[in-house]
C-alpha cells in the first residue's frame, strides 16, 4: 500500500516524463540552466563550474518536504494537492498551455527556494484574510500580468485569479485534473 500514488503524484510524474521526453525530442538533450554555486539543486545533472550551463531534469525527493510550519503559523490545513504539488519534487518552472493560454507551473529549485515559497504562501494567505476572501494557494503564473492560477483551499478546485481578487473562472475540479489537461511547451 505504501507504494500507491495519489492522483497528484501520478499527474506530476506524467507531467515530468512528458516534459523531459518532449524537450529531448525537440532539442536532443535535457534542458540547461546556468549553474550558481550559491544556489545548487538536486535537479542539476552535471558537475560544472559556477556560471557554466548544466543540464537538469525534475527530481522527485526521497522524503516529501513539510508544510507543518506554515499550517501551524496560519492555523489552517493546506489542501493536500497543493502540499503534494510543492513538496514532492524540485524542478525549474515548467511552461505549459491550457485552453485558456500560456502558463508557468511554479516549483521549488532547492530547499532554500522551498522556504521562500512557504513565506510567499504565508503572505498570500494573510492577504486573502485581510481582504476577507476565500483562501487560495497559487501554483502557476500566466502570460497575463497579475493573473495567477490557484487552488481553492476548501475544495481543491483550480481557478484563474487576478491578484487581490477572488477566482474569476473555474478551470478544473482538482489540481490533478488540471495538470492532466496541460500541454507542456518546450
C-alpha atoms as a PDB file:
ATOM      1  CA  UNK A   1       0.000   0.000   0.000  1.00  0.00           C
ATOM      2  CA  UNK A   2       2.927   2.370   0.706  1.00  0.00           C
ATOM      3  CA  UNK A   3       3.840   2.479  -2.997  1.00  0.00           C
ATOM      4  CA  UNK A   4       0.367   3.560  -4.102  1.00  0.00           C
ATOM      5  CA  UNK A   5       0.486   7.021  -5.650  1.00  0.00           C
ATOM      6  CA  UNK A   6      -2.030   9.775  -5.069  1.00  0.00           C
ATOM      7  CA  UNK A   7      -3.654  11.426  -8.098  1.00  0.00           C
ATOM      8  CA  UNK A   8      -1.363  14.447  -7.657  1.00  0.00           C
ATOM      9  CA  UNK A   9       1.763  12.253  -7.592  1.00  0.00           C
ATOM     10  CA  UNK A  10       0.601  10.402 -10.710  1.00  0.00           C
ATOM     11  CA  UNK A  11      -0.144  13.658 -12.544  1.00  0.00           C
ATOM     12  CA  UNK A  12       3.222  15.182 -11.617  1.00  0.00           C
ATOM     13  CA  UNK A  13       5.118  12.053 -12.673  1.00  0.00           C
ATOM     14  CA  UNK A  14       3.334  12.083 -16.027  1.00  0.00           C
ATOM     15  CA  UNK A  15       3.932  15.826 -16.476  1.00  0.00           C
ATOM     16  CA  UNK A  16       7.646  15.488 -15.702  1.00  0.00           C
ATOM     17  CA  UNK A  17       8.037  12.469 -18.009  1.00  0.00           C
ATOM     18  CA  UNK A  18       6.256  14.283 -20.831  1.00  0.00           C
ATOM     19  CA  UNK A  19       8.311  17.437 -20.304  1.00  0.00           C
ATOM     20  CA  UNK A  20      11.646  15.576 -20.417  1.00  0.00           C
ATOM     21  CA  UNK A  21      10.598  13.434 -23.402  1.00  0.00           C
ATOM     22  CA  UNK A  22       9.261  16.381 -25.427  1.00  0.00           C
ATOM     23  CA  UNK A  23      12.289  18.511 -24.596  1.00  0.00           C
ATOM     24  CA  UNK A  24      14.702  15.773 -25.635  1.00  0.00           C
ATOM     25  CA  UNK A  25      12.777  15.094 -28.855  1.00  0.00           C
ATOM     26  CA  UNK A  26      12.878  18.784 -29.799  1.00  0.00           C
ATOM     27  CA  UNK A  27      16.369  19.721 -28.554  1.00  0.00           C
ATOM     28  CA  UNK A  28      18.245  16.400 -28.403  1.00  0.00           C
ATOM     29  CA  UNK A  29      19.245  16.831 -24.760  1.00  0.00           C
ATOM     30  CA  UNK A  30      17.980  17.825 -21.326  1.00  0.00           C
ATOM     31  CA  UNK A  31      17.143  21.484 -20.682  1.00  0.00           C
ATOM     32  CA  UNK A  32      20.037  23.625 -19.493  1.00  0.00           C
ATOM     33  CA  UNK A  33      20.366  26.285 -16.839  1.00  0.00           C
ATOM     34  CA  UNK A  34      23.273  28.351 -15.590  1.00  0.00           C
ATOM     35  CA  UNK A  35      24.834  26.774 -12.503  1.00  0.00           C
ATOM     36  CA  UNK A  36      25.016  29.026  -9.462  1.00  0.00           C
ATOM     37  CA  UNK A  37      27.331  27.665  -6.783  1.00  0.00           C
ATOM     38  CA  UNK A  38      25.311  29.566  -4.159  1.00  0.00           C
ATOM     39  CA  UNK A  39      22.010  28.101  -5.417  1.00  0.00           C
ATOM     40  CA  UNK A  40      22.683  24.398  -6.164  1.00  0.00           C
ATOM     41  CA  UNK A  41      19.918  21.887  -6.755  1.00  0.00           C
ATOM     42  CA  UNK A  42      19.425  18.154  -6.927  1.00  0.00           C
ATOM     43  CA  UNK A  43      17.868  18.681 -10.359  1.00  0.00           C
ATOM     44  CA  UNK A  44      21.279  19.515 -11.842  1.00  0.00           C
ATOM     45  CA  UNK A  45      22.760  16.594 -13.775  1.00  0.00           C
ATOM     46  CA  UNK A  46      26.307  17.845 -14.414  1.00  0.00           C
ATOM     47  CA  UNK A  47      29.151  18.969 -12.187  1.00  0.00           C
ATOM     48  CA  UNK A  48      30.202  22.280 -13.714  1.00  0.00           C
ATOM     49  CA  UNK A  49      31.868  25.489 -12.614  1.00  0.00           C
ATOM     50  CA  UNK A  50      29.919  28.494 -11.402  1.00  0.00           C
ATOM     51  CA  UNK A  51      28.265  30.269 -14.328  1.00  0.00           C
ATOM     52  CA  UNK A  52      28.522  27.327 -16.731  1.00  0.00           C
ATOM     53  CA  UNK A  53      25.484  25.584 -18.155  1.00  0.00           C
ATOM     54  CA  UNK A  54      24.291  22.374 -16.556  1.00  0.00           C
ATOM     55  CA  UNK A  55      21.622  20.007 -17.774  1.00  0.00           C
ATOM     56  CA  UNK A  56      18.681  19.488 -15.438  1.00  0.00           C
ATOM     57  CA  UNK A  57      15.515  17.477 -15.020  1.00  0.00           C
ATOM     58  CA  UNK A  58      12.781  17.396 -12.369  1.00  0.00           C
ATOM     59  CA  UNK A  59      13.821  15.401  -9.317  1.00  0.00           C
ATOM     60  CA  UNK A  60      11.412  13.552  -7.021  1.00  0.00           C
ATOM     61  CA  UNK A  61      12.518  13.721  -3.397  1.00  0.00           C
ATOM     62  CA  UNK A  62      13.066  10.590  -1.311  1.00  0.00           C
ATOM     63  CA  UNK A  63      11.111  12.234   1.508  1.00  0.00           C
ATOM     64  CA  UNK A  64       8.438  14.883   0.842  1.00  0.00           C
ATOM     65  CA  UNK A  65       9.010  18.349   2.245  1.00  0.00           C
ATOM     66  CA  UNK A  66       6.700  19.571   5.002  1.00  0.00           C
ATOM     67  CA  UNK A  67       4.258  22.455   5.268  1.00  0.00           C
ATOM     68  CA  UNK A  68       3.648  21.814   9.001  1.00  0.00           C
ATOM     69  CA  UNK A  69       5.290  25.120   9.978  1.00  0.00           C
ATOM     70  CA  UNK A  70       3.119  27.064   7.512  1.00  0.00           C
ATOM     71  CA  UNK A  71      -0.048  25.326   8.652  1.00  0.00           C
ATOM     72  CA  UNK A  72       0.805  25.963  12.301  1.00  0.00           C
ATOM     73  CA  UNK A  73       1.629  29.633  11.678  1.00  0.00           C
ATOM     74  CA  UNK A  74      -1.590  30.201   9.708  1.00  0.00           C
ATOM     75  CA  UNK A  75      -3.735  27.869  11.828  1.00  0.00           C
ATOM     76  CA  UNK A  76      -5.139  26.194   8.716  1.00  0.00           C
ATOM     77  CA  UNK A  77      -4.612  22.974   6.831  1.00  0.00           C
ATOM     78  CA  UNK A  78      -3.452  23.468   3.259  1.00  0.00           C
ATOM     79  CA  UNK A  79      -5.230  21.416   0.630  1.00  0.00           C
ATOM     80  CA  UNK A  80      -3.414  18.058   0.235  1.00  0.00           C
ATOM     81  CA  UNK A  81      -2.971  18.502  -3.534  1.00  0.00           C
ATOM     82  CA  UNK A  82      -1.137  21.813  -3.031  1.00  0.00           C
ATOM     83  CA  UNK A  83       1.149  20.336  -0.399  1.00  0.00           C
ATOM     84  CA  UNK A  84       1.994  17.403  -2.673  1.00  0.00           C
ATOM     85  CA  UNK A  85       2.482  19.623  -5.727  1.00  0.00           C
ATOM     86  CA  UNK A  86       5.174  21.667  -3.987  1.00  0.00           C
ATOM     87  CA  UNK A  87       6.614  19.091  -1.562  1.00  0.00           C
ATOM     88  CA  UNK A  88       7.302  16.045  -3.739  1.00  0.00           C
ATOM     89  CA  UNK A  89       9.927  17.318  -6.165  1.00  0.00           C
ATOM     90  CA  UNK A  90      12.417  20.013  -7.068  1.00  0.00           C
ATOM     91  CA  UNK A  91      12.304  21.458 -10.561  1.00  0.00           C
ATOM     92  CA  UNK A  92      12.802  24.565 -12.611  1.00  0.00           C
ATOM     93  CA  UNK A  93       9.456  26.116 -13.516  1.00  0.00           C
ATOM     94  CA  UNK A  94       7.746  24.269 -16.373  1.00  0.00           C
ATOM     95  CA  UNK A  95       5.961  26.093 -19.178  1.00  0.00           C
ATOM     96  CA  UNK A  96       2.701  24.698 -20.450  1.00  0.00           C
ATOM     97  CA  UNK A  97      -0.530  25.733 -22.075  1.00  0.00           C
ATOM     98  CA  UNK A  98      -4.159  25.042 -21.412  1.00  0.00           C
ATOM     99  CA  UNK A  99      -7.263  26.053 -23.324  1.00  0.00           C
ATOM    100  CA  UNK A 100      -7.059  29.482 -21.665  1.00  0.00           C
ATOM    101  CA  UNK A 101      -3.453  30.311 -22.572  1.00  0.00           C
ATOM    102  CA  UNK A 102       0.203  30.000 -21.596  1.00  0.00           C
ATOM    103  CA  UNK A 103       1.352  29.421 -18.028  1.00  0.00           C
ATOM    104  CA  UNK A 104       4.367  28.503 -15.951  1.00  0.00           C
ATOM    105  CA  UNK A 105       3.997  25.918 -13.214  1.00  0.00           C
ATOM    106  CA  UNK A 106       5.962  27.029 -10.167  1.00  0.00           C
ATOM    107  CA  UNK A 107       8.301  24.618  -8.404  1.00  0.00           C
ATOM    108  CA  UNK A 108      11.000  24.904  -5.762  1.00  0.00           C
ATOM    109  CA  UNK A 109      14.567  24.639  -7.102  1.00  0.00           C
ATOM    110  CA  UNK A 110      16.066  23.608  -3.771  1.00  0.00           C
ATOM    111  CA  UNK A 111      15.252  23.655  -0.053  1.00  0.00           C
ATOM    112  CA  UNK A 112      16.020  27.369   0.294  1.00  0.00           C
ATOM    113  CA  UNK A 113      13.646  28.064  -2.589  1.00  0.00           C
ATOM    114  CA  UNK A 114      11.017  25.914  -0.854  1.00  0.00           C
ATOM    115  CA  UNK A 115      11.423  28.040   2.281  1.00  0.00           C
ATOM    116  CA  UNK A 116      10.959  31.194   0.188  1.00  0.00           C
ATOM    117  CA  UNK A 117       7.865  29.641  -1.409  1.00  0.00           C
ATOM    118  CA  UNK A 118       6.464  28.953   2.069  1.00  0.00           C
ATOM    119  CA  UNK A 119       6.967  32.613   3.016  1.00  0.00           C
ATOM    120  CA  UNK A 120       5.172  33.698  -0.158  1.00  0.00           C
ATOM    121  CA  UNK A 121       2.276  31.351   0.600  1.00  0.00           C
ATOM    122  CA  UNK A 122       2.011  32.774   4.130  1.00  0.00           C
ATOM    123  CA  UNK A 123       1.924  36.298   2.688  1.00  0.00           C
ATOM    124  CA  UNK A 124      -0.691  35.293   0.123  1.00  0.00           C
ATOM    125  CA  UNK A 125      -2.956  33.680   2.731  1.00  0.00           C
ATOM    126  CA  UNK A 126      -2.611  36.693   5.042  1.00  0.00           C
ATOM    127  CA  UNK A 127      -3.590  38.987   2.149  1.00  0.00           C
ATOM    128  CA  UNK A 128      -6.638  36.801   1.425  1.00  0.00           C
ATOM    129  CA  UNK A 129      -7.677  37.006   5.074  1.00  0.00           C
ATOM    130  CA  UNK A 130      -7.170  40.779   5.157  1.00  0.00           C
ATOM    131  CA  UNK A 131      -9.376  41.103   2.063  1.00  0.00           C
ATOM    132  CA  UNK A 132     -11.923  38.688   3.594  1.00  0.00           C
ATOM    133  CA  UNK A 133     -11.648  36.406   0.579  1.00  0.00           C
ATOM    134  CA  UNK A 134     -11.693  32.604   0.409  1.00  0.00           C
ATOM    135  CA  UNK A 135      -8.230  31.101   0.900  1.00  0.00           C
ATOM    136  CA  UNK A 136      -6.496  30.081  -2.307  1.00  0.00           C
ATOM    137  CA  UNK A 137      -2.946  28.915  -2.951  1.00  0.00           C
ATOM    138  CA  UNK A 138      -1.105  29.918  -6.131  1.00  0.00           C
ATOM    139  CA  UNK A 139       0.750  27.278  -8.142  1.00  0.00           C
ATOM    140  CA  UNK A 140       1.225  28.885 -11.569  1.00  0.00           C
ATOM    141  CA  UNK A 141       1.585  32.246 -13.251  1.00  0.00           C
ATOM    142  CA  UNK A 142       0.151  33.149 -16.628  1.00  0.00           C
ATOM    143  CA  UNK A 143       1.368  35.212 -19.555  1.00  0.00           C
ATOM    144  CA  UNK A 144      -1.022  37.949 -18.387  1.00  0.00           C
ATOM    145  CA  UNK A 145       0.418  40.256 -15.736  1.00  0.00           C
ATOM    146  CA  UNK A 146      -1.154  39.877 -12.274  1.00  0.00           C
ATOM    147  CA  UNK A 147      -3.117  36.738 -13.200  1.00  0.00           C
ATOM    148  CA  UNK A 148      -2.335  33.588 -11.218  1.00  0.00           C
ATOM    149  CA  UNK A 149      -3.689  30.080 -11.256  1.00  0.00           C
ATOM    150  CA  UNK A 150      -4.749  28.973  -7.799  1.00  0.00           C
ATOM    151  CA  UNK A 151      -6.183  26.049  -5.905  1.00  0.00           C
ATOM    152  CA  UNK A 152      -9.227  26.809  -3.765  1.00  0.00           C
ATOM    153  CA  UNK A 153      -8.093  25.634  -0.342  1.00  0.00           C
ATOM    154  CA  UNK A 154     -11.560  24.378   0.628  1.00  0.00           C
ATOM    155  CA  UNK A 155     -12.365  22.041  -2.248  1.00  0.00           C
ATOM    156  CA  UNK A 156      -9.157  21.762  -4.320  1.00  0.00           C
ATOM    157  CA  UNK A 157     -10.651  23.249  -7.481  1.00  0.00           C
ATOM    158  CA  UNK A 158      -8.415  25.247  -9.858  1.00  0.00           C
ATOM    159  CA  UNK A 159      -9.225  28.859 -10.721  1.00  0.00           C
ATOM    160  CA  UNK A 160      -7.955  31.844 -12.674  1.00  0.00           C
ATOM    161  CA  UNK A 161      -7.385  34.529 -10.048  1.00  0.00           C
ATOM    162  CA  UNK A 162      -6.346  38.147 -10.596  1.00  0.00           C
ATOM    163  CA  UNK A 163      -4.030  39.356  -7.820  1.00  0.00           C
ATOM    164  CA  UNK A 164      -6.086  40.826  -4.969  1.00  0.00           C
ATOM    165  CA  UNK A 165      -9.383  39.400  -6.221  1.00  0.00           C
ATOM    166  CA  UNK A 166     -11.249  36.128  -5.901  1.00  0.00           C
ATOM    167  CA  UNK A 167     -11.166  33.441  -8.572  1.00  0.00           C
ATOM    168  CA  UNK A 168     -12.930  34.536 -11.741  1.00  0.00           C
ATOM    169  CA  UNK A 169     -13.120  31.319 -13.755  1.00  0.00           C
ATOM    170  CA  UNK A 170     -13.027  27.700 -12.671  1.00  0.00           C
ATOM    171  CA  UNK A 171     -10.641  25.645 -14.819  1.00  0.00           C
ATOM    172  CA  UNK A 172     -10.834  22.207 -13.199  1.00  0.00           C
ATOM    173  CA  UNK A 173     -12.363  20.370 -10.268  1.00  0.00           C
ATOM    174  CA  UNK A 174      -8.923  19.344  -8.985  1.00  0.00           C
ATOM    175  CA  UNK A 175      -5.229  20.041  -9.429  1.00  0.00           C
ATOM    176  CA  UNK A 176      -4.534  16.573 -10.901  1.00  0.00           C
ATOM    177  CA  UNK A 177      -7.374  17.059 -13.409  1.00  0.00           C
ATOM    178  CA  UNK A 178      -5.880  20.410 -14.416  1.00  0.00           C
ATOM    179  CA  UNK A 179      -2.319  19.065 -14.733  1.00  0.00           C
ATOM    180  CA  UNK A 180      -3.527  16.120 -16.811  1.00  0.00           C
ATOM    181  CA  UNK A 181      -5.128  18.545 -19.291  1.00  0.00           C
ATOM    182  CA  UNK A 182      -1.963  20.587 -19.869  1.00  0.00           C
ATOM    183  CA  UNK A 183       0.307  20.531 -22.900  1.00  0.00           C
ATOM    184  CA  UNK A 184       3.928  21.202 -21.976  1.00  0.00           C
ATOM    185  CA  UNK A 185       5.712  23.754 -24.144  1.00  0.00           C
ATOM    186  CA  UNK A 186       9.405  23.290 -24.806  1.00  0.00           C
END
